[in-house]
Amino acid sequence: MPVWVWEEGMKGGARPGSGRKPTLIDERRALSLHKQGVSMREIAERFGVSIEAIKYFFKKQRRLANDNRN
């Protein structure tokens, strides 16, 4: 299932729809690649996004997993 990821520092302008658009990442595929031992840099290259977007995606995934445990 594709997931929109907003990179930190993404701010819109005063007009609706302004600012950088979020990055679309296939959540299942990204998690599968990570479990296979593919580096974050390689995952970023495969999705055509920045490594920062992938780092933010996995940081968000860890946060959600920790929240579900509590």
C-alpha atoms as a PDB file:
ATOM      1  CA  MET A   1       0.000   0.000   0.000  1.00  0.00           C
ATOM      2  CA  PRO A   2       1.575   3.307  -1.031  1.00  0.00           C
ATOM      3  CA  VAL A   3       2.157   5.794   1.755  1.00  0.00           C
ATOM      4  CA  TRP A   4       2.702   9.529   1.496  1.00  0.00           C
ATOM      5  CA  VAL A   5       5.761  10.661   3.424  1.00  0.00           C
ATOM      6  CA  TRP A   6       6.317  14.279   4.323  1.00  0.00           C
ATOM      7  CA  GLU A   7       9.958  15.093   4.808  1.00  0.00           C
ATOM      8  CA  GLU A   8      10.844  17.241   7.786  1.00  0.00           C
ATOM      9  CA  GLY A   9      10.953  20.918   6.955  1.00  0.00           C
ATOM     10  CA  MET A  10       8.269  20.651   4.282  1.00  0.00           C
ATOM     11  CA  LYS A  11       6.184  23.738   4.668  1.00  0.00           C
ATOM     12  CA  GLY A  12       3.423  25.004   2.445  1.00  0.00           C
ATOM     13  CA  GLY A  13       2.796  28.576   1.535  1.00  0.00           C
ATOM     14  CA  ALA A  14      -0.206  30.756   2.214  1.00  0.00           C
ATOM     15  CA  ARG A  15      -2.065  29.433  -0.832  1.00  0.00           C
ATOM     16  CA  PRO A  16      -3.751  26.011  -0.774  1.00  0.00           C
ATOM     17  CA  GLY A  17      -1.693  23.408  -2.636  1.00  0.00           C
ATOM     18  CA  SER A  18       1.529  25.357  -2.433  1.00  0.00           C
ATOM     19  CA  GLY A  19       4.773  23.911  -1.127  1.00  0.00           C
ATOM     20  CA  ARG A  20       6.596  20.678  -1.864  1.00  0.00           C
ATOM     21  CA  LYS A  21       4.395  17.683  -2.511  1.00  0.00           C
ATOM     22  CA  PRO A  22       4.790  14.589  -0.313  1.00  0.00           C
ATOM     23  CA  THR A  23       6.733  11.564  -1.522  1.00  0.00           C
ATOM     24  CA  LEU A  24       4.873   8.372  -2.413  1.00  0.00           C
ATOM     25  CA  ILE A  25       6.514   5.211  -1.051  1.00  0.00           C
ATOM     26  CA  ASP A  26       5.150   1.650  -1.313  1.00  0.00           C
ATOM     27  CA  GLU A  27       5.128   0.681   2.366  1.00  0.00           C
ATOM     28  CA  ARG A  28       5.101  -3.105   1.908  1.00  0.00           C
ATOM     29  CA  ARG A  29       7.862  -3.070  -0.680  1.00  0.00           C
ATOM     30  CA  ALA A  30      10.055  -0.748   1.388  1.00  0.00           C
ATOM     31  CA  LEU A  31       9.657  -2.891   4.504  1.00  0.00           C
ATOM     32  CA  SER A  32      10.285  -6.072   2.507  1.00  0.00           C
ATOM     33  CA  LEU A  33      13.476  -4.665   0.982  1.00  0.00           C
ATOM     34  CA  HIS A  34      14.676  -3.542   4.411  1.00  0.00           C
ATOM     35  CA  LYS A  35      14.050  -7.015   5.877  1.00  0.00           C
ATOM     36  CA  GLN A  36      16.062  -8.508   2.998  1.00  0.00           C
ATOM     37  CA  GLY A  37      19.021  -6.398   4.080  1.00  0.00           C
ATOM     38  CA  VAL A  38      18.858  -3.802   1.314  1.00  0.00           C
ATOM     39  CA  SER A  39      20.444  -0.547   2.477  1.00  0.00           C
ATOM     40  CA  MET A  40      18.392   2.609   2.952  1.00  0.00           C
ATOM     41  CA  ARG A  41      20.442   4.268   0.222  1.00  0.00           C
ATOM     42  CA  GLU A  42      19.547   1.490  -2.239  1.00  0.00           C
ATOM     43  CA  ILE A  43      15.872   1.622  -1.238  1.00  0.00           C
ATOM     44  CA  ALA A  44      15.888   5.380  -1.838  1.00  0.00           C
ATOM     45  CA  GLU A  45      17.430   4.863  -5.284  1.00  0.00           C
ATOM     46  CA  ARG A  46      14.842   2.216  -6.194  1.00  0.00           C
ATOM     47  CA  PHE A  47      11.981   4.546  -5.258  1.00  0.00           C
ATOM     48  CA  GLY A  48      13.620   7.595  -6.800  1.00  0.00           C
ATOM     49  CA  VAL A  49      13.470   9.575  -3.553  1.00  0.00           C
ATOM     50  CA  SER A  50      16.019  11.088  -1.201  1.00  0.00           C
ATOM     51  CA  ILE A  51      17.655   8.992   1.484  1.00  0.00           C
ATOM     52  CA  GLU A  52      16.224  11.466   3.992  1.00  0.00           C
ATOM     53  CA  ALA A  53      12.697  10.543   2.869  1.00  0.00           C
ATOM     54  CA  ILE A  54      13.473   6.847   3.456  1.00  0.00           C
ATOM     55  CA  LYS A  55      15.039   7.566   6.860  1.00  0.00           C
ATOM     56  CA  TYR A  56      11.951   9.541   7.837  1.00  0.00           C
ATOM     57  CA  PHE A  57       9.707   6.709   6.602  1.00  0.00           C
ATOM     58  CA  PHE A  58      11.477   4.111   8.771  1.00  0.00           C
ATOM     59  CA  LYS A  59      11.606   6.483  11.743  1.00  0.00           C
ATOM     60  CA  LYS A  60       7.840   6.887  11.431  1.00  0.00           C
ATOM     61  CA  GLN A  61       7.400   3.086  11.170  1.00  0.00           C
ATOM     62  CA  ARG A  62       9.419   2.548  14.383  1.00  0.00           C
ATOM     63  CA  ARG A  63       7.358   5.190  16.167  1.00  0.00           C
ATOM     64  CA  LEU A  64       4.097   3.532  15.086  1.00  0.00           C
ATOM     65  CA  ALA A  65       5.373   0.097  16.166  1.00  0.00           C
ATOM     66  CA  ASN A  66       6.335   1.473  19.595  1.00  0.00           C
ATOM     67  CA  ASP A  67       2.941   3.148  20.002  1.00  0.00           C
ATOM     68  CA  ASN A  68       1.164  -0.115  19.161  1.00  0.00           C
ATOM     69  CA  ARG A  69       3.130  -1.970  21.835  1.00  0.00           C
ATOM     70  CA  ASN A  70       1.968   0.390  24.587  1.00  0.00           C
END
